[in-house]
mmCIF file of all heavy atoms, coordinates in Angstrom:
data_MODEL
# 
_entry.id   MODEL 
# 
loop_
_atom_site.group_PDB 
_atom_site.id 
_atom_site.type_symbol 
_atom_site.label_atom_id 
_atom_site.label_alt_id 
_atom_site.label_comp_id 
_atom_site.label_asym_id 
_atom_site.label_entity_id 
_atom_site.label_seq_id 
_atom_site.pdbx_PDB_ins_code 
_atom_site.Cartn_x 
_atom_site.Cartn_y 
_atom_site.Cartn_z 
_atom_site.occupancy 
_atom_site.B_iso_or_equiv 
_atom_site.pdbx_formal_charge 
_atom_site.auth_seq_id 
_atom_site.auth_comp_id 
_atom_site.auth_asym_id 
_atom_site.auth_atom_id 
_atom_site.pdbx_PDB_model_num 
ATOM 1   N N   . ILE A 1 1  ? 4.915   -11.340 0.357  1.00 0.00 ? 1  ILE A N   1 
ATOM 2   C CA  . ILE A 1 1  ? 5.738   -11.808 -0.680 1.00 0.00 ? 1  ILE A CA  1 
ATOM 3   C C   . ILE A 1 1  ? 6.404   -13.105 -0.350 1.00 0.00 ? 1  ILE A C   1 
ATOM 4   O O   . ILE A 1 1  ? 6.448   -13.964 -1.268 1.00 0.00 ? 1  ILE A O   1 
ATOM 5   C CB  . ILE A 1 1  ? 6.903   -10.757 -0.985 1.00 0.00 ? 1  ILE A CB  1 
ATOM 6   C CG1 . ILE A 1 1  ? 6.297   -9.418  -1.392 1.00 0.00 ? 1  ILE A CG1 1 
ATOM 7   C CG2 . ILE A 1 1  ? 7.900   -11.246 -1.916 1.00 0.00 ? 1  ILE A CG2 1 
ATOM 8   C CD1 . ILE A 1 1  ? 7.276   -8.261  -1.534 1.00 0.00 ? 1  ILE A CD1 1 
ATOM 9   N N   . GLU A 1 2  ? 6.914   -13.213 0.935  1.00 0.00 ? 2  GLU A N   1 
ATOM 10  C CA  . GLU A 1 2  ? 7.516   -14.600 1.186  1.00 0.00 ? 2  GLU A CA  1 
ATOM 11  C C   . GLU A 1 2  ? 6.576   -15.757 1.085  1.00 0.00 ? 2  GLU A C   1 
ATOM 12  O O   . GLU A 1 2  ? 6.835   -16.725 0.557  1.00 0.00 ? 2  GLU A O   1 
ATOM 13  C CB  . GLU A 1 2  ? 7.978   -14.452 2.682  1.00 0.00 ? 2  GLU A CB  1 
ATOM 14  C CG  . GLU A 1 2  ? 8.702   -15.775 3.160  1.00 0.00 ? 2  GLU A CG  1 
ATOM 15  C CD  . GLU A 1 2  ? 9.054   -15.717 4.614  1.00 0.00 ? 2  GLU A CD  1 
ATOM 16  O OE1 . GLU A 1 2  ? 8.866   -14.711 5.228  1.00 0.00 ? 2  GLU A OE1 1 
ATOM 17  O OE2 . GLU A 1 2  ? 9.551   -16.793 5.128  1.00 0.00 ? 2  GLU A OE2 1 
ATOM 18  N N   . ILE A 1 3  ? 5.317   -15.468 1.513  1.00 0.00 ? 3  ILE A N   1 
ATOM 19  C CA  . ILE A 1 3  ? 4.240   -16.529 1.354  1.00 0.00 ? 3  ILE A CA  1 
ATOM 20  C C   . ILE A 1 3  ? 4.082   -16.904 -0.146 1.00 0.00 ? 3  ILE A C   1 
ATOM 21  O O   . ILE A 1 3  ? 4.162   -18.090 -0.611 1.00 0.00 ? 3  ILE A O   1 
ATOM 22  C CB  . ILE A 1 3  ? 3.018   -16.089 1.876  1.00 0.00 ? 3  ILE A CB  1 
ATOM 23  C CG1 . ILE A 1 3  ? 3.153   -15.978 3.531  1.00 0.00 ? 3  ILE A CG1 1 
ATOM 24  C CG2 . ILE A 1 3  ? 1.855   -17.049 1.588  1.00 0.00 ? 3  ILE A CG2 1 
ATOM 25  C CD1 . ILE A 1 3  ? 1.837   -15.343 4.072  1.00 0.00 ? 3  ILE A CD1 1 
ATOM 26  N N   . ASP A 1 4  ? 3.988   -15.933 -1.008 1.00 0.00 ? 4  ASP A N   1 
ATOM 27  C CA  . ASP A 1 4  ? 3.888   -16.189 -2.437 1.00 0.00 ? 4  ASP A CA  1 
ATOM 28  C C   . ASP A 1 4  ? 5.036   -16.945 -3.013 1.00 0.00 ? 4  ASP A C   1 
ATOM 29  O O   . ASP A 1 4  ? 4.914   -17.969 -3.691 1.00 0.00 ? 4  ASP A O   1 
ATOM 30  C CB  . ASP A 1 4  ? 3.742   -14.895 -3.151 1.00 0.00 ? 4  ASP A CB  1 
ATOM 31  C CG  . ASP A 1 4  ? 2.452   -14.135 -3.077 1.00 0.00 ? 4  ASP A CG  1 
ATOM 32  O OD1 . ASP A 1 4  ? 1.449   -14.798 -2.496 1.00 0.00 ? 4  ASP A OD1 1 
ATOM 33  O OD2 . ASP A 1 4  ? 2.343   -12.992 -3.213 1.00 0.00 ? 4  ASP A OD2 1 
ATOM 34  N N   . LEU A 1 5  ? 6.243   -16.541 -2.594 1.00 0.00 ? 5  LEU A N   1 
ATOM 35  C CA  . LEU A 1 5  ? 7.434   -17.267 -3.216 1.00 0.00 ? 5  LEU A CA  1 
ATOM 36  C C   . LEU A 1 5  ? 7.634   -18.664 -2.615 1.00 0.00 ? 5  LEU A C   1 
ATOM 37  O O   . LEU A 1 5  ? 7.963   -19.563 -3.383 1.00 0.00 ? 5  LEU A O   1 
ATOM 38  C CB  . LEU A 1 5  ? 8.762   -16.378 -2.909 1.00 0.00 ? 5  LEU A CB  1 
ATOM 39  C CG  . LEU A 1 5  ? 8.794   -15.017 -3.550 1.00 0.00 ? 5  LEU A CG  1 
ATOM 40  C CD1 . LEU A 1 5  ? 10.060  -14.271 -3.179 1.00 0.00 ? 5  LEU A CD1 1 
ATOM 41  C CD2 . LEU A 1 5  ? 8.677   -15.184 -5.050 1.00 0.00 ? 5  LEU A CD2 1 
ATOM 42  N N   . ARG A 1 6  ? 7.313   -18.826 -1.380 1.00 0.00 ? 6  ARG A N   1 
ATOM 43  C CA  . ARG A 1 6  ? 7.445   -20.247 -0.781 1.00 0.00 ? 6  ARG A CA  1 
ATOM 44  C C   . ARG A 1 6  ? 6.466   -21.075 -1.352 1.00 0.00 ? 6  ARG A C   1 
ATOM 45  O O   . ARG A 1 6  ? 6.763   -22.282 -1.645 1.00 0.00 ? 6  ARG A O   1 
ATOM 46  C CB  . ARG A 1 6  ? 7.177   -20.172 0.764  1.00 0.00 ? 6  ARG A CB  1 
ATOM 47  C CG  . ARG A 1 6  ? 8.095   -19.295 1.540  1.00 0.00 ? 6  ARG A CG  1 
ATOM 48  C CD  . ARG A 1 6  ? 9.504   -19.893 1.627  1.00 0.00 ? 6  ARG A CD  1 
ATOM 49  N NE  . ARG A 1 6  ? 10.398  -19.126 2.526  1.00 0.00 ? 6  ARG A NE  1 
ATOM 50  C CZ  . ARG A 1 6  ? 11.709  -19.211 2.496  1.00 0.00 ? 6  ARG A CZ  1 
ATOM 51  N NH1 . ARG A 1 6  ? 12.366  -19.919 1.712  1.00 0.00 ? 6  ARG A NH1 1 
ATOM 52  N NH2 . ARG A 1 6  ? 12.420  -18.353 3.425  1.00 0.00 ? 6  ARG A NH2 1 
ATOM 53  N N   . GLN A 1 7  ? 5.160   -20.564 -1.635 1.00 0.00 ? 7  GLN A N   1 
ATOM 54  C CA  . GLN A 1 7  ? 4.255   -21.489 -2.232 1.00 0.00 ? 7  GLN A CA  1 
ATOM 55  C C   . GLN A 1 7  ? 4.519   -21.712 -3.761 1.00 0.00 ? 7  GLN A C   1 
ATOM 56  O O   . GLN A 1 7  ? 4.206   -22.855 -4.271 1.00 0.00 ? 7  GLN A O   1 
ATOM 57  C CB  . GLN A 1 7  ? 2.871   -20.788 -2.068 1.00 0.00 ? 7  GLN A CB  1 
ATOM 58  C CG  . GLN A 1 7  ? 2.309   -20.769 -0.683 1.00 0.00 ? 7  GLN A CG  1 
ATOM 59  C CD  . GLN A 1 7  ? 0.966   -20.021 -0.558 1.00 0.00 ? 7  GLN A CD  1 
ATOM 60  O OE1 . GLN A 1 7  ? 0.627   -19.282 -1.519 1.00 0.00 ? 7  GLN A OE1 1 
ATOM 61  N NE2 . GLN A 1 7  ? 0.309   -20.229 0.611  1.00 0.00 ? 7  GLN A NE2 1 
ATOM 62  N N   . MET A 1 8  ? 5.178   -20.843 -4.352 1.00 0.00 ? 8  MET A N   1 
ATOM 63  C CA  . MET A 1 8  ? 5.661   -21.129 -5.793 1.00 0.00 ? 8  MET A CA  1 
ATOM 64  C C   . MET A 1 8  ? 6.632   -22.225 -5.855 1.00 0.00 ? 8  MET A C   1 
ATOM 65  O O   . MET A 1 8  ? 6.557   -23.056 -6.631 1.00 0.00 ? 8  MET A O   1 
ATOM 66  C CB  . MET A 1 8  ? 6.241   -19.839 -6.471 1.00 0.00 ? 8  MET A CB  1 
ATOM 67  C CG  . MET A 1 8  ? 5.302   -18.795 -6.769 1.00 0.00 ? 8  MET A CG  1 
ATOM 68  S SD  . MET A 1 8  ? 6.084   -17.323 -7.448 1.00 0.00 ? 8  MET A SD  1 
ATOM 69  C CE  . MET A 1 8  ? 4.742   -16.055 -7.318 1.00 0.00 ? 8  MET A CE  1 
ATOM 70  N N   . MET A 1 9  ? 7.601   -22.207 -4.928 1.00 0.00 ? 9  MET A N   1 
ATOM 71  C CA  . MET A 1 9  ? 8.718   -23.221 -4.910 1.00 0.00 ? 9  MET A CA  1 
ATOM 72  C C   . MET A 1 9  ? 8.194   -24.561 -4.376 1.00 0.00 ? 9  MET A C   1 
ATOM 73  O O   . MET A 1 9  ? 8.760   -25.609 -4.794 1.00 0.00 ? 9  MET A O   1 
ATOM 74  C CB  . MET A 1 9  ? 9.842   -22.695 -4.169 1.00 0.00 ? 9  MET A CB  1 
ATOM 75  C CG  . MET A 1 9  ? 10.533  -21.444 -4.549 1.00 0.00 ? 9  MET A CG  1 
ATOM 76  S SD  . MET A 1 9  ? 11.082  -21.566 -6.241 1.00 0.00 ? 9  MET A SD  1 
ATOM 77  C CE  . MET A 1 9  ? 12.441  -22.757 -6.013 1.00 0.00 ? 9  MET A CE  1 
ATOM 78  N N   . ALA A 1 10 ? 7.141   -24.562 -3.579 1.00 0.00 ? 10 ALA A N   1 
ATOM 79  C CA  . ALA A 1 10 ? 6.603   -25.743 -3.028 1.00 0.00 ? 10 ALA A CA  1 
ATOM 80  C C   . ALA A 1 10 ? 7.597   -26.659 -2.335 1.00 0.00 ? 10 ALA A C   1 
ATOM 81  O O   . ALA A 1 10 ? 7.468   -27.890 -2.261 1.00 0.00 ? 10 ALA A O   1 
ATOM 82  C CB  . ALA A 1 10 ? 5.877   -26.576 -4.134 1.00 0.00 ? 10 ALA A CB  1 
ATOM 83  N N   . THR A 1 11 ? 8.717   -26.006 -1.816 1.00 0.00 ? 11 THR A N   1 
ATOM 84  C CA  . THR A 1 11 ? 9.758   -26.872 -1.113 1.00 0.00 ? 11 THR A CA  1 
ATOM 85  C C   . THR A 1 11 ? 9.748   -26.437 0.340  1.00 0.00 ? 11 THR A C   1 
ATOM 86  O O   . THR A 1 11 ? 10.188  -27.288 1.203  1.00 0.00 ? 11 THR A O   1 
ATOM 87  C CB  . THR A 1 11 ? 11.104  -26.432 -1.714 1.00 0.00 ? 11 THR A CB  1 
ATOM 88  O OG1 . THR A 1 11 ? 11.356  -25.136 -1.628 1.00 0.00 ? 11 THR A OG1 1 
ATOM 89  C CG2 . THR A 1 11 ? 11.206  -27.004 -3.186 1.00 0.00 ? 11 THR A CG2 1 
ATOM 90  N N   . ASP A 1 12 ? 9.280   -25.346 0.780  1.00 0.00 ? 12 ASP A N   1 
ATOM 91  C CA  . ASP A 1 12 ? 9.148   -24.915 2.054  1.00 0.00 ? 12 ASP A CA  1 
ATOM 92  C C   . ASP A 1 12 ? 7.788   -24.671 2.585  1.00 0.00 ? 12 ASP A C   1 
ATOM 93  O O   . ASP A 1 12 ? 6.927   -24.287 1.736  1.00 0.00 ? 12 ASP A O   1 
ATOM 94  C CB  . ASP A 1 12 ? 10.028  -23.665 2.410  1.00 0.00 ? 12 ASP A CB  1 
ATOM 95  C CG  . ASP A 1 12 ? 11.474  -23.979 2.224  1.00 0.00 ? 12 ASP A CG  1 
ATOM 96  O OD1 . ASP A 1 12 ? 11.941  -25.090 2.491  1.00 0.00 ? 12 ASP A OD1 1 
ATOM 97  O OD2 . ASP A 1 12 ? 12.247  -23.050 1.716  1.00 0.00 ? 12 ASP A OD2 1 
ATOM 98  N N   . GLU A 1 13 ? 7.471   -24.774 3.815  1.00 0.00 ? 13 GLU A N   1 
ATOM 99  C CA  . GLU A 1 13 ? 6.159   -24.323 4.350  1.00 0.00 ? 13 GLU A CA  1 
ATOM 100 C C   . GLU A 1 13 ? 6.017   -22.934 4.365  1.00 0.00 ? 13 GLU A C   1 
ATOM 101 O O   . GLU A 1 13 ? 6.907   -22.301 5.084  1.00 0.00 ? 13 GLU A O   1 
ATOM 102 C CB  . GLU A 1 13 ? 5.876   -25.123 5.691  1.00 0.00 ? 13 GLU A CB  1 
ATOM 103 C CG  . GLU A 1 13 ? 4.517   -24.834 6.240  1.00 0.00 ? 13 GLU A CG  1 
ATOM 104 C CD  . GLU A 1 13 ? 4.250   -25.535 7.512  1.00 0.00 ? 13 GLU A CD  1 
ATOM 105 O OE1 . GLU A 1 13 ? 5.160   -26.351 7.950  1.00 0.00 ? 13 GLU A OE1 1 
ATOM 106 O OE2 . GLU A 1 13 ? 3.209   -25.276 8.114  1.00 0.00 ? 13 GLU A OE2 1 
ATOM 107 N N   . ALA A 1 14 ? 5.063   -22.325 3.817  1.00 0.00 ? 14 ALA A N   1 
ATOM 108 C CA  . ALA A 1 14 ? 4.912   -20.955 3.884  1.00 0.00 ? 14 ALA A CA  1 
ATOM 109 C C   . ALA A 1 14 ? 4.385   -20.437 5.252  1.00 0.00 ? 14 ALA A C   1 
ATOM 110 O O   . ALA A 1 14 ? 3.637   -21.103 5.899  1.00 0.00 ? 14 ALA A O   1 
ATOM 111 C CB  . ALA A 1 14 ? 3.897   -20.431 2.899  1.00 0.00 ? 14 ALA A CB  1 
ATOM 112 N N   . PRO A 1 15 ? 4.990   -19.357 5.743  1.00 0.00 ? 15 PRO A N   1 
ATOM 113 C CA  . PRO A 1 15 ? 4.608   -18.825 7.060  1.00 0.00 ? 15 PRO A CA  1 
ATOM 114 C C   . PRO A 1 15 ? 3.185   -18.141 7.038  1.00 0.00 ? 15 PRO A C   1 
ATOM 115 O O   . PRO A 1 15 ? 2.692   -17.919 5.912  1.00 0.00 ? 15 PRO A O   1 
ATOM 116 C CB  . PRO A 1 15 ? 5.659   -17.690 7.377  1.00 0.00 ? 15 PRO A CB  1 
ATOM 117 C CG  . PRO A 1 15 ? 5.999   -17.265 5.950  1.00 0.00 ? 15 PRO A CG  1 
ATOM 118 C CD  . PRO A 1 15 ? 5.951   -18.496 5.075  1.00 0.00 ? 15 PRO A CD  1 
ATOM 119 N N   . ALA A 1 16 ? 2.553   -17.993 8.138  1.00 0.00 ? 16 ALA A N   1 
ATOM 120 C CA  . ALA A 1 16 ? 1.338   -17.412 8.221  1.00 0.00 ? 16 ALA A CA  1 
ATOM 121 C C   . ALA A 1 16 ? 1.355   -15.893 7.976  1.00 0.00 ? 16 ALA A C   1 
ATOM 122 O O   . ALA A 1 16 ? 2.455   -15.247 8.373  1.00 0.00 ? 16 ALA A O   1 
ATOM 123 C CB  . ALA A 1 16 ? 0.725   -17.635 9.636  1.00 0.00 ? 16 ALA A CB  1 
ATOM 124 N N   . PRO A 1 17 ? 0.314   -15.419 7.489  1.00 0.00 ? 17 PRO A N   1 
ATOM 125 C CA  . PRO A 1 17 ? 0.396   -13.822 7.243  1.00 0.00 ? 17 PRO A CA  1 
ATOM 126 C C   . PRO A 1 17 ? 0.387   -13.107 8.566  1.00 0.00 ? 17 PRO A C   1 
ATOM 127 O O   . PRO A 1 17 ? -0.058  -13.615 9.603  1.00 0.00 ? 17 PRO A O   1 
ATOM 128 C CB  . PRO A 1 17 ? -0.901  -13.658 6.500  1.00 0.00 ? 17 PRO A CB  1 
ATOM 129 C CG  . PRO A 1 17 ? -1.371  -14.874 5.996  1.00 0.00 ? 17 PRO A CG  1 
ATOM 130 C CD  . PRO A 1 17 ? -0.849  -15.870 6.949  1.00 0.00 ? 17 PRO A CD  1 
ATOM 131 N N   . LEU A 1 18 ? 0.866   -11.918 8.541  1.00 0.00 ? 18 LEU A N   1 
ATOM 132 C CA  . LEU A 1 18 ? 0.861   -11.082 9.728  1.00 0.00 ? 18 LEU A CA  1 
ATOM 133 C C   . LEU A 1 18 ? -0.535  -10.581 9.925  1.00 0.00 ? 18 LEU A C   1 
ATOM 134 O O   . LEU A 1 18 ? -1.245  -10.260 9.005  1.00 0.00 ? 18 LEU A O   1 
ATOM 135 C CB  . LEU A 1 18 ? 1.830   -9.874  9.668  1.00 0.00 ? 18 LEU A CB  1 
ATOM 136 C CG  . LEU A 1 18 ? 3.302   -10.163 9.653  1.00 0.00 ? 18 LEU A CG  1 
ATOM 137 C CD1 . LEU A 1 18 ? 4.048   -8.870  9.499  1.00 0.00 ? 18 LEU A CD1 1 
ATOM 138 C CD2 . LEU A 1 18 ? 3.677   -10.873 10.918 1.00 0.00 ? 18 LEU A CD2 1 
ATOM 139 N N   . THR A 1 19 ? -0.984  -10.627 11.186 1.00 0.00 ? 19 THR A N   1 
ATOM 140 C CA  . THR A 1 19 ? -2.343  -10.169 11.604 1.00 0.00 ? 19 THR A CA  1 
ATOM 141 C C   . THR A 1 19 ? -2.331  -8.714  12.022 1.00 0.00 ? 19 THR A C   1 
ATOM 142 O O   . THR A 1 19 ? -1.394  -8.250  12.638 1.00 0.00 ? 19 THR A O   1 
ATOM 143 C CB  . THR A 1 19 ? -3.013  -11.135 12.608 1.00 0.00 ? 19 THR A CB  1 
ATOM 144 O OG1 . THR A 1 19 ? -2.181  -11.139 13.752 1.00 0.00 ? 19 THR A OG1 1 
ATOM 145 C CG2 . THR A 1 19 ? -3.186  -12.514 12.009 1.00 0.00 ? 19 THR A CG2 1 
ATOM 146 N N   . PRO A 1 20 ? -3.444  -7.965  11.878 1.00 0.00 ? 20 PRO A N   1 
ATOM 147 C CA  . PRO A 1 20 ? -3.499  -6.638  12.325 1.00 0.00 ? 20 PRO A CA  1 
ATOM 148 C C   . PRO A 1 20 ? -3.287  -6.538  13.901 1.00 0.00 ? 20 PRO A C   1 
ATOM 149 O O   . PRO A 1 20 ? -3.791  -7.393  14.631 1.00 0.00 ? 20 PRO A O   1 
ATOM 150 C CB  . PRO A 1 20 ? -4.783  -6.136  11.989 1.00 0.00 ? 20 PRO A CB  1 
ATOM 151 C CG  . PRO A 1 20 ? -5.261  -7.045  10.779 1.00 0.00 ? 20 PRO A CG  1 
ATOM 152 C CD  . PRO A 1 20 ? -4.607  -8.328  11.094 1.00 0.00 ? 20 PRO A CD  1 
ATOM 153 N N   . ILE A 1 21 ? -2.536  -5.493  14.270 1.00 0.00 ? 21 ILE A N   1 
ATOM 154 C CA  . ILE A 1 21 ? -2.372  -5.234  15.750 1.00 0.00 ? 21 ILE A CA  1 
ATOM 155 C C   . ILE A 1 21 ? -3.181  -3.952  16.081 1.00 0.00 ? 21 ILE A C   1 
ATOM 156 O O   . ILE A 1 21 ? -2.915  -2.911  15.571 1.00 0.00 ? 21 ILE A O   1 
ATOM 157 C CB  . ILE A 1 21 ? -0.958  -5.085  16.194 1.00 0.00 ? 21 ILE A CB  1 
ATOM 158 C CG1 . ILE A 1 21 ? -0.159  -6.362  15.734 1.00 0.00 ? 21 ILE A CG1 1 
ATOM 159 C CG2 . ILE A 1 21 ? -0.788  -4.739  17.637 1.00 0.00 ? 21 ILE A CG2 1 
ATOM 160 C CD1 . ILE A 1 21 ? 1.290   -6.155  15.922 1.00 0.00 ? 21 ILE A CD1 1 
ATOM 161 N N   . ASP A 1 22 ? -4.211  -4.178  16.916 1.00 0.00 ? 22 ASP A N   1 
ATOM 162 C CA  . ASP A 1 22 ? -5.058  -3.019  17.241 1.00 0.00 ? 22 ASP A CA  1 
ATOM 163 C C   . ASP A 1 22 ? -5.619  -2.274  16.019 1.00 0.00 ? 22 ASP A C   1 
ATOM 164 O O   . ASP A 1 22 ? -5.553  -1.094  15.868 1.00 0.00 ? 22 ASP A O   1 
ATOM 165 C CB  . ASP A 1 22 ? -4.290  -2.098  18.130 1.00 0.00 ? 22 ASP A CB  1 
ATOM 166 C CG  . ASP A 1 22 ? -5.184  -0.918  18.850 1.00 0.00 ? 22 ASP A CG  1 
ATOM 167 O OD1 . ASP A 1 22 ? -6.332  -1.219  18.873 1.00 0.00 ? 22 ASP A OD1 1 
ATOM 168 O OD2 . ASP A 1 22 ? -4.656  0.008   19.264 1.00 0.00 ? 22 ASP A OD2 1 
ATOM 169 N N   . LYS A 1 23 ? -6.032  -3.167  15.010 1.00 0.00 ? 23 LYS A N   1 
ATOM 170 C CA  . LYS A 1 23 ? -6.612  -2.670  13.846 1.00 0.00 ? 23 LYS A CA  1 
ATOM 171 C C   . LYS A 1 23 ? -5.687  -1.805  12.877 1.00 0.00 ? 23 LYS A C   1 
ATOM 172 O O   . LYS A 1 23 ? -6.003  -0.740  12.404 1.00 0.00 ? 23 LYS A O   1 
ATOM 173 C CB  . LYS A 1 23 ? -7.912  -1.819  14.103 1.00 0.00 ? 23 LYS A CB  1 
ATOM 174 C CG  . LYS A 1 23 ? -9.012  -2.609  14.826 1.00 0.00 ? 23 LYS A CG  1 
ATOM 175 C CD  . LYS A 1 23 ? -10.228 -1.911  15.064 1.00 0.00 ? 23 LYS A CD  1 
ATOM 176 C CE  . LYS A 1 23 ? -11.326 -2.825  15.674 1.00 0.00 ? 23 LYS A CE  1 
ATOM 177 N NZ  . LYS A 1 23 ? -12.461 -2.144  16.046 1.00 0.00 ? 23 LYS A NZ  1 
ATOM 178 N N   . ALA A 1 24 ? -4.365  -2.250  12.998 1.00 0.00 ? 24 ALA A N   1 
ATOM 179 C CA  . ALA A 1 24 ? -3.389  -1.561  12.134 1.00 0.00 ? 24 ALA A CA  1 
ATOM 180 C C   . ALA A 1 24 ? -2.341  -2.594  11.690 1.00 0.00 ? 24 ALA A C   1 
ATOM 181 O O   . ALA A 1 24 ? -2.098  -3.657  12.362 1.00 0.00 ? 24 ALA A O   1 
ATOM 182 C CB  . ALA A 1 24 ? -2.612  -0.416  12.905 1.00 0.00 ? 24 ALA A CB  1 
# 
């Protein structure tokens, strides 16, 4: 959600998505 909102506002750099940990 944070990535979506940051990219909509185009004022902040969006963070990277969380990656799976041990396939979870």
